[in-house]
N, C-alpha and C. Protein backbone atom coordinates (compact mmCIF):
# COMPACT_ATOMS: atom_id res chain seq x y z
N UNK A 1 -6.01 -19.75 15.85
CA UNK A 1 -5.99 -18.86 14.70
C UNK A 1 -4.68 -19.04 13.93
N UNK A 2 -4.78 -19.09 12.63
CA UNK A 2 -3.61 -19.25 11.76
C UNK A 2 -3.33 -17.92 11.07
N UNK A 3 -2.24 -17.25 11.48
CA UNK A 3 -1.91 -15.96 10.87
C UNK A 3 -1.26 -16.12 9.51
N UNK A 4 -1.18 -17.35 9.03
CA UNK A 4 -0.61 -17.57 7.71
C UNK A 4 -1.63 -17.43 6.60
N UNK A 5 -2.92 -17.55 6.91
CA UNK A 5 -3.94 -17.46 5.87
C UNK A 5 -5.26 -16.96 6.45
N UNK A 6 -5.95 -16.14 5.67
CA UNK A 6 -7.28 -15.69 6.09
C UNK A 6 -7.52 -14.24 5.73
N UNK A 7 -8.69 -13.78 6.13
CA UNK A 7 -9.10 -12.38 5.95
C UNK A 7 -9.26 -11.78 7.33
N UNK A 8 -8.67 -10.62 7.51
CA UNK A 8 -8.67 -9.94 8.80
C UNK A 8 -9.09 -8.49 8.61
N UNK A 9 -9.86 -7.98 9.56
CA UNK A 9 -10.32 -6.59 9.43
C UNK A 9 -10.51 -5.96 10.80
N UNK A 10 -10.19 -4.68 10.86
CA UNK A 10 -10.47 -3.87 12.04
C UNK A 10 -10.94 -2.51 11.57
N UNK A 11 -11.78 -1.91 12.37
CA UNK A 11 -12.28 -0.58 12.03
C UNK A 11 -11.28 0.47 12.47
N UNK A 12 -11.06 1.46 11.61
CA UNK A 12 -10.17 2.58 11.92
C UNK A 12 -11.01 3.82 12.16
N UNK A 13 -10.93 4.36 13.36
CA UNK A 13 -11.65 5.60 13.65
C UNK A 13 -11.11 6.74 12.78
N UNK A 14 -9.80 6.74 12.54
CA UNK A 14 -9.18 7.79 11.74
C UNK A 14 -9.70 7.81 10.31
N UNK A 15 -9.81 6.61 9.72
CA UNK A 15 -10.27 6.54 8.33
C UNK A 15 -11.79 6.57 8.22
N UNK A 16 -12.48 6.22 9.29
CA UNK A 16 -13.94 6.16 9.23
C UNK A 16 -14.41 4.97 8.39
N UNK A 17 -13.60 3.95 8.33
CA UNK A 17 -13.93 2.73 7.59
C UNK A 17 -13.02 1.61 8.08
N UNK A 18 -13.21 0.43 7.57
CA UNK A 18 -12.40 -0.71 7.97
C UNK A 18 -11.11 -0.76 7.16
N UNK A 19 -10.11 -1.41 7.75
CA UNK A 19 -8.92 -1.83 7.03
C UNK A 19 -9.01 -3.35 7.01
N UNK A 20 -8.92 -3.91 5.82
CA UNK A 20 -9.05 -5.36 5.68
C UNK A 20 -7.84 -5.89 4.91
N UNK A 21 -7.27 -6.97 5.42
CA UNK A 21 -6.14 -7.58 4.74
C UNK A 21 -6.46 -9.05 4.43
N UNK A 22 -5.96 -9.49 3.30
CA UNK A 22 -6.01 -10.90 2.94
C UNK A 22 -4.61 -11.45 3.02
N UNK A 23 -4.46 -12.59 3.67
CA UNK A 23 -3.15 -13.17 3.92
C UNK A 23 -3.14 -14.63 3.46
N UNK A 24 -2.07 -15.04 2.82
CA UNK A 24 -1.85 -16.44 2.47
C UNK A 24 -0.36 -16.74 2.59
N UNK A 25 -0.05 -17.89 3.12
CA UNK A 25 1.35 -18.32 3.30
C UNK A 25 2.17 -17.26 4.02
N UNK A 26 1.55 -16.55 4.96
CA UNK A 26 2.26 -15.54 5.74
C UNK A 26 2.55 -14.25 5.01
N UNK A 27 2.01 -14.10 3.79
CA UNK A 27 2.24 -12.89 3.00
C UNK A 27 0.92 -12.16 2.80
N UNK A 28 0.98 -10.84 2.83
CA UNK A 28 -0.22 -10.03 2.59
C UNK A 28 -0.49 -10.02 1.09
N UNK A 29 -1.69 -10.45 0.72
CA UNK A 29 -2.09 -10.46 -0.69
C UNK A 29 -2.77 -9.17 -1.09
N UNK A 30 -3.54 -8.60 -0.14
CA UNK A 30 -4.36 -7.45 -0.49
C UNK A 30 -4.64 -6.63 0.76
N UNK A 31 -4.70 -5.30 0.57
CA UNK A 31 -5.16 -4.37 1.60
C UNK A 31 -6.30 -3.57 0.98
N UNK A 32 -7.45 -3.58 1.65
CA UNK A 32 -8.60 -2.80 1.17
C UNK A 32 -9.16 -1.98 2.33
N UNK A 33 -10.04 -1.06 1.97
CA UNK A 33 -10.61 -0.14 2.95
C UNK A 33 -12.13 -0.10 2.81
N UNK A 34 -12.80 -1.23 3.08
CA UNK A 34 -14.26 -1.27 2.89
C UNK A 34 -15.02 -0.52 3.98
N UNK A 35 -16.24 -0.15 3.66
CA UNK A 35 -17.13 0.47 4.66
C UNK A 35 -17.57 -0.57 5.69
N UNK A 36 -17.72 -1.81 5.25
CA UNK A 36 -18.08 -2.93 6.13
C UNK A 36 -17.10 -4.07 5.88
N UNK A 37 -16.68 -4.72 6.95
CA UNK A 37 -15.76 -5.84 6.81
C UNK A 37 -16.51 -7.06 6.28
N UNK A 38 -15.77 -7.95 5.62
CA UNK A 38 -16.35 -9.22 5.19
C UNK A 38 -16.88 -9.97 6.41
N UNK A 39 -17.96 -10.72 6.22
CA UNK A 39 -18.57 -11.45 7.33
C UNK A 39 -17.62 -12.45 7.98
N UNK A 40 -16.73 -13.03 7.19
CA UNK A 40 -15.83 -14.05 7.72
C UNK A 40 -14.49 -13.50 8.18
N UNK A 41 -14.35 -12.18 8.19
CA UNK A 41 -13.08 -11.57 8.61
C UNK A 41 -12.89 -11.70 10.12
N UNK A 42 -11.66 -12.03 10.48
CA UNK A 42 -11.28 -12.08 11.89
C UNK A 42 -10.55 -10.78 12.23
N UNK A 43 -10.44 -10.48 13.54
CA UNK A 43 -9.82 -9.21 13.95
C UNK A 43 -8.34 -9.31 14.27
N UNK A 44 -7.90 -10.44 14.73
CA UNK A 44 -6.56 -10.53 15.32
C UNK A 44 -5.50 -10.97 14.32
N UNK A 45 -4.66 -10.02 13.94
CA UNK A 45 -3.50 -10.30 13.09
C UNK A 45 -2.44 -9.25 13.38
N UNK A 46 -1.19 -9.67 13.54
CA UNK A 46 -0.11 -8.76 13.92
C UNK A 46 0.06 -7.61 12.93
N UNK A 47 0.00 -7.89 11.62
CA UNK A 47 0.16 -6.82 10.63
C UNK A 47 -0.99 -5.83 10.72
N UNK A 48 -2.19 -6.34 10.90
CA UNK A 48 -3.35 -5.46 11.02
C UNK A 48 -3.24 -4.59 12.26
N UNK A 49 -2.76 -5.15 13.36
CA UNK A 49 -2.54 -4.35 14.58
C UNK A 49 -1.54 -3.22 14.31
N UNK A 50 -0.49 -3.51 13.55
CA UNK A 50 0.50 -2.48 13.21
C UNK A 50 -0.11 -1.40 12.32
N UNK A 51 -0.96 -1.79 11.38
CA UNK A 51 -1.61 -0.81 10.51
C UNK A 51 -2.48 0.12 11.34
N UNK A 52 -3.24 -0.43 12.26
CA UNK A 52 -4.11 0.40 13.11
C UNK A 52 -3.26 1.33 13.96
N UNK A 53 -2.15 0.85 14.50
CA UNK A 53 -1.25 1.72 15.28
C UNK A 53 -0.69 2.84 14.40
N UNK A 54 -0.31 2.52 13.17
CA UNK A 54 0.16 3.53 12.21
C UNK A 54 -0.91 4.61 12.01
N UNK A 55 -2.15 4.17 11.85
CA UNK A 55 -3.25 5.12 11.63
C UNK A 55 -3.55 5.96 12.87
N UNK A 56 -3.03 5.51 14.01
CA UNK A 56 -3.16 6.27 15.26
C UNK A 56 -1.92 7.11 15.53
N UNK A 57 -0.97 7.14 14.57
CA UNK A 57 0.17 8.03 14.68
C UNK A 57 1.51 7.39 14.97
N UNK A 58 1.58 6.06 15.03
CA UNK A 58 2.85 5.38 15.26
C UNK A 58 3.56 5.23 13.91
N UNK A 59 4.73 5.81 13.79
CA UNK A 59 5.48 5.74 12.53
C UNK A 59 5.93 4.31 12.27
N UNK A 60 5.66 3.82 11.08
CA UNK A 60 6.03 2.46 10.70
C UNK A 60 6.22 2.43 9.19
N UNK A 61 7.30 1.82 8.72
CA UNK A 61 7.52 1.74 7.28
C UNK A 61 7.11 0.38 6.71
N UNK A 62 6.77 -0.57 7.57
CA UNK A 62 6.28 -1.89 7.17
C UNK A 62 7.25 -2.63 6.25
N UNK A 63 8.54 -2.25 6.28
CA UNK A 63 9.50 -2.85 5.34
C UNK A 63 9.69 -4.34 5.56
N UNK A 64 9.43 -4.83 6.77
CA UNK A 64 9.60 -6.26 7.06
C UNK A 64 8.35 -7.08 6.73
N UNK A 65 7.25 -6.44 6.36
CA UNK A 65 6.02 -7.15 6.04
C UNK A 65 6.14 -7.70 4.62
N UNK A 66 5.92 -8.98 4.48
CA UNK A 66 5.99 -9.60 3.16
C UNK A 66 4.67 -9.36 2.43
N UNK A 67 4.77 -8.74 1.26
CA UNK A 67 3.61 -8.47 0.42
C UNK A 67 3.77 -9.28 -0.86
N UNK A 68 2.74 -10.04 -1.20
CA UNK A 68 2.75 -10.83 -2.43
C UNK A 68 2.33 -9.92 -3.58
N UNK A 69 3.29 -9.50 -4.35
CA UNK A 69 3.01 -8.62 -5.49
C UNK A 69 2.82 -9.48 -6.73
N UNK A 70 1.60 -9.94 -6.91
CA UNK A 70 1.28 -10.82 -8.04
C UNK A 70 0.89 -9.98 -9.25
N UNK A 71 1.90 -9.36 -9.82
CA UNK A 71 1.74 -8.49 -10.98
C UNK A 71 2.82 -8.83 -11.99
N UNK A 72 2.71 -8.35 -13.23
CA UNK A 72 3.82 -8.54 -14.17
C UNK A 72 5.12 -8.00 -13.57
N UNK A 73 6.23 -8.61 -13.95
CA UNK A 73 7.54 -8.30 -13.38
C UNK A 73 7.87 -6.81 -13.43
N UNK A 74 7.59 -6.14 -14.57
CA UNK A 74 7.94 -4.72 -14.66
C UNK A 74 7.11 -3.88 -13.69
N UNK A 75 5.83 -4.22 -13.50
CA UNK A 75 5.00 -3.49 -12.54
C UNK A 75 5.45 -3.80 -11.10
N UNK A 76 5.81 -5.04 -10.84
CA UNK A 76 6.28 -5.42 -9.51
C UNK A 76 7.53 -4.60 -9.15
N UNK A 77 8.42 -4.39 -10.12
CA UNK A 77 9.61 -3.59 -9.87
C UNK A 77 9.27 -2.17 -9.45
N UNK A 78 8.24 -1.59 -10.07
CA UNK A 78 7.80 -0.24 -9.69
C UNK A 78 7.32 -0.24 -8.25
N UNK A 79 6.48 -1.21 -7.88
CA UNK A 79 5.94 -1.24 -6.53
C UNK A 79 7.01 -1.54 -5.49
N UNK A 80 7.99 -2.33 -5.85
CA UNK A 80 9.12 -2.55 -4.93
C UNK A 80 9.88 -1.24 -4.71
N UNK A 81 10.01 -0.42 -5.75
CA UNK A 81 10.66 0.88 -5.60
C UNK A 81 9.83 1.81 -4.71
N UNK A 82 8.51 1.74 -4.82
CA UNK A 82 7.63 2.56 -3.97
C UNK A 82 7.90 2.27 -2.50
N UNK A 83 8.15 1.02 -2.19
CA UNK A 83 8.39 0.64 -0.79
C UNK A 83 9.66 1.28 -0.24
N UNK A 84 10.53 1.83 -1.11
CA UNK A 84 11.75 2.49 -0.67
C UNK A 84 11.57 3.98 -0.40
N UNK A 85 10.38 4.52 -0.65
CA UNK A 85 10.12 5.93 -0.35
C UNK A 85 9.83 6.02 1.15
N UNK A 86 10.67 6.73 1.91
CA UNK A 86 10.52 6.75 3.37
C UNK A 86 9.24 7.42 3.86
N UNK A 87 8.85 7.01 5.06
CA UNK A 87 7.72 7.63 5.77
C UNK A 87 7.91 9.15 5.78
N UNK A 88 6.85 9.87 5.47
CA UNK A 88 6.88 11.33 5.53
C UNK A 88 7.54 12.01 4.34
N UNK A 89 7.95 11.23 3.33
CA UNK A 89 8.55 11.81 2.13
C UNK A 89 7.70 11.46 0.93
N UNK A 90 7.83 12.24 -0.12
CA UNK A 90 7.08 11.95 -1.34
C UNK A 90 7.97 12.19 -2.55
N UNK A 91 7.64 11.49 -3.62
CA UNK A 91 8.32 11.68 -4.89
C UNK A 91 7.26 11.76 -5.97
N UNK A 92 7.67 12.18 -7.16
CA UNK A 92 6.73 12.18 -8.28
C UNK A 92 6.96 10.93 -9.13
N UNK A 93 6.08 10.74 -10.12
CA UNK A 93 6.17 9.55 -10.96
C UNK A 93 7.51 9.50 -11.70
N UNK A 94 8.00 10.65 -12.14
CA UNK A 94 9.28 10.66 -12.85
C UNK A 94 10.40 10.15 -11.94
N UNK A 95 10.44 10.61 -10.71
CA UNK A 95 11.47 10.15 -9.77
C UNK A 95 11.30 8.66 -9.48
N UNK A 96 10.06 8.23 -9.29
CA UNK A 96 9.80 6.81 -9.07
C UNK A 96 10.32 5.98 -10.24
N UNK A 97 10.11 6.46 -11.45
CA UNK A 97 10.60 5.75 -12.63
C UNK A 97 12.13 5.68 -12.63
N UNK A 98 12.77 6.75 -12.19
CA UNK A 98 14.24 6.75 -12.07
C UNK A 98 14.69 5.72 -11.03
N UNK A 99 13.89 5.55 -9.98
CA UNK A 99 14.24 4.64 -8.89
C UNK A 99 14.02 3.17 -9.28
N UNK A 100 13.34 2.92 -10.38
CA UNK A 100 12.97 1.56 -10.78
C UNK A 100 13.95 1.04 -11.81
N UNK A 101 14.62 -0.02 -11.48
CA UNK A 101 15.61 -0.64 -12.38
C UNK A 101 14.94 -1.01 -13.70
N UNK A 102 15.61 -0.66 -14.79
CA UNK A 102 15.14 -1.03 -16.11
C UNK A 102 14.18 -0.05 -16.75
N UNK A 103 13.79 1.01 -16.02
CA UNK A 103 12.89 2.01 -16.60
C UNK A 103 13.65 3.30 -16.88
N UNK A 104 13.16 4.03 -17.88
CA UNK A 104 13.77 5.30 -18.30
C UNK A 104 12.75 6.41 -18.06
N UNK A 105 13.10 7.34 -17.19
CA UNK A 105 12.17 8.42 -16.84
C UNK A 105 11.87 9.37 -18.00
N UNK A 106 12.61 9.25 -19.09
CA UNK A 106 12.35 10.12 -20.24
C UNK A 106 11.42 9.46 -21.26
N UNK A 107 11.08 8.20 -21.02
CA UNK A 107 10.21 7.46 -21.94
C UNK A 107 8.77 7.49 -21.43
N UNK A 108 7.85 8.03 -22.23
CA UNK A 108 6.45 8.11 -21.82
C UNK A 108 5.88 6.73 -21.50
N UNK A 109 6.29 5.72 -22.25
CA UNK A 109 5.79 4.36 -22.00
C UNK A 109 6.19 3.87 -20.60
N UNK A 110 7.39 4.22 -20.16
CA UNK A 110 7.84 3.82 -18.83
C UNK A 110 7.12 4.61 -17.74
N UNK A 111 6.86 5.88 -17.98
CA UNK A 111 6.07 6.67 -17.03
C UNK A 111 4.66 6.11 -16.91
N UNK A 112 4.08 5.71 -18.04
CA UNK A 112 2.74 5.12 -18.03
C UNK A 112 2.75 3.77 -17.32
N UNK A 113 3.81 3.00 -17.51
CA UNK A 113 3.95 1.73 -16.80
C UNK A 113 3.94 1.96 -15.29
N UNK A 114 4.66 2.99 -14.84
CA UNK A 114 4.69 3.30 -13.41
C UNK A 114 3.29 3.66 -12.91
N UNK A 115 2.56 4.46 -13.68
CA UNK A 115 1.19 4.84 -13.27
C UNK A 115 0.28 3.61 -13.23
N UNK A 116 0.42 2.73 -14.21
CA UNK A 116 -0.38 1.50 -14.25
C UNK A 116 -0.10 0.63 -13.03
N UNK A 117 1.16 0.51 -12.66
CA UNK A 117 1.54 -0.28 -11.49
C UNK A 117 0.95 0.32 -10.22
N UNK A 118 1.01 1.64 -10.09
CA UNK A 118 0.44 2.29 -8.91
C UNK A 118 -1.06 2.03 -8.81
N UNK A 119 -1.74 2.12 -9.94
CA UNK A 119 -3.19 1.91 -9.99
C UNK A 119 -3.55 0.46 -9.64
N UNK A 120 -2.67 -0.48 -9.97
CA UNK A 120 -2.92 -1.91 -9.72
C UNK A 120 -2.39 -2.38 -8.37
N UNK A 121 -1.82 -1.50 -7.58
CA UNK A 121 -1.22 -1.84 -6.29
C UNK A 121 -2.21 -2.65 -5.44
N UNK A 122 -1.87 -3.90 -5.11
CA UNK A 122 -2.80 -4.71 -4.32
C UNK A 122 -2.78 -4.39 -2.83
N UNK A 123 -1.78 -3.64 -2.38
CA UNK A 123 -1.64 -3.42 -0.94
C UNK A 123 -1.30 -1.97 -0.60
N UNK A 124 -2.21 -1.03 -0.98
CA UNK A 124 -1.93 0.36 -0.60
C UNK A 124 -1.72 0.47 0.91
N UNK A 125 -0.90 1.37 1.31
CA UNK A 125 -0.43 1.63 2.66
C UNK A 125 0.82 0.81 2.91
N UNK A 126 0.79 -0.52 2.73
CA UNK A 126 2.01 -1.32 2.87
C UNK A 126 2.96 -1.05 1.72
N UNK A 127 2.42 -0.84 0.53
CA UNK A 127 3.16 -0.33 -0.62
C UNK A 127 2.64 1.10 -0.76
N UNK A 128 3.33 2.06 -0.15
CA UNK A 128 2.77 3.40 0.11
C UNK A 128 2.63 4.30 -1.12
N UNK A 129 1.68 3.95 -1.99
CA UNK A 129 1.49 4.73 -3.20
C UNK A 129 0.98 6.15 -2.92
N UNK A 130 0.53 6.40 -1.69
CA UNK A 130 0.13 7.76 -1.32
C UNK A 130 1.33 8.70 -1.25
N UNK A 131 2.53 8.16 -1.28
CA UNK A 131 3.75 8.97 -1.26
C UNK A 131 4.19 9.39 -2.66
N UNK A 132 3.46 8.98 -3.69
CA UNK A 132 3.75 9.37 -5.07
C UNK A 132 2.76 10.48 -5.42
N UNK A 133 3.21 11.71 -5.38
CA UNK A 133 2.28 12.84 -5.38
C UNK A 133 1.50 13.04 -6.66
N UNK A 134 2.01 12.65 -7.81
CA UNK A 134 1.27 12.88 -9.06
C UNK A 134 0.88 11.58 -9.74
N UNK A 135 0.83 10.52 -8.96
CA UNK A 135 0.42 9.23 -9.52
C UNK A 135 -0.88 8.78 -8.90
N UNK A 136 -1.53 7.80 -9.51
CA UNK A 136 -2.76 7.28 -8.93
C UNK A 136 -2.45 6.45 -7.69
N UNK A 137 -3.42 6.35 -6.81
CA UNK A 137 -3.33 5.48 -5.65
C UNK A 137 -4.40 4.42 -5.79
N UNK A 138 -4.09 3.21 -5.35
CA UNK A 138 -5.09 2.15 -5.37
C UNK A 138 -6.06 2.29 -4.20
N UNK A 139 -5.77 3.16 -3.25
CA UNK A 139 -6.68 3.41 -2.13
C UNK A 139 -7.78 4.38 -2.58
N UNK A 140 -8.94 4.31 -1.94
CA UNK A 140 -9.98 5.29 -2.25
C UNK A 140 -9.45 6.71 -2.00
N UNK A 141 -9.92 7.70 -2.77
CA UNK A 141 -9.39 9.07 -2.64
C UNK A 141 -9.41 9.62 -1.21
N UNK A 142 -10.48 9.37 -0.45
CA UNK A 142 -10.53 9.89 0.92
C UNK A 142 -9.49 9.21 1.80
N UNK A 143 -9.23 7.94 1.58
CA UNK A 143 -8.21 7.23 2.34
C UNK A 143 -6.82 7.74 1.96
N UNK A 144 -6.58 7.91 0.67
CA UNK A 144 -5.29 8.43 0.21
C UNK A 144 -5.00 9.79 0.87
N UNK A 145 -5.98 10.67 0.89
CA UNK A 145 -5.78 12.00 1.48
C UNK A 145 -5.48 11.90 2.98
N UNK A 146 -6.15 11.00 3.68
CA UNK A 146 -5.89 10.85 5.11
C UNK A 146 -4.50 10.26 5.37
N UNK A 147 -4.06 9.36 4.51
CA UNK A 147 -2.71 8.80 4.66
C UNK A 147 -1.67 9.88 4.40
N UNK A 148 -1.90 10.71 3.40
CA UNK A 148 -0.98 11.82 3.09
C UNK A 148 -0.95 12.80 4.28
N UNK A 149 -2.12 13.11 4.79
CA UNK A 149 -2.22 14.05 5.92
C UNK A 149 -1.50 13.48 7.16
N UNK A 150 -1.69 12.20 7.41
CA UNK A 150 -1.07 11.55 8.57
C UNK A 150 0.44 11.70 8.53
N UNK A 151 1.03 11.63 7.31
CA UNK A 151 2.48 11.71 7.16
C UNK A 151 2.95 13.14 6.85
N UNK A 152 2.04 14.11 6.88
CA UNK A 152 2.42 15.50 6.64
C UNK A 152 2.77 15.79 5.19
N UNK A 153 2.16 15.05 4.26
CA UNK A 153 2.47 15.23 2.83
C UNK A 153 1.48 16.18 2.17
């Protein structure tokens, strides 16, 4: 098995659905939460094992996991800032905008840029958009609520 590329999925009893990751060149490209895993998905991947452990209550910030944020530079900056929000803490979109280099929290266009980036997040959970309390999450609403609940948010 090559953990550098492929699709991997495991079922989460906590979420009541699968967690599926796409990996290339050792970087996570995408995290999704399908009802059924892709037919060609394999089960064994170290990052996926950590995600399942997290969903079972093991605290993990995933800061060492490489995520390929293939988005425009300004949106990528927002998602990189999201990764700095610690486990069990939450911020609002305005604070996230303050945390993002080059954005002004008083500019509506910059606040909208932050919301757009959150909505386009390719790797919810690894880029923990559920910690942004008044922003959109790229995870399905039921998954977002369970992630928030897991962290006491």
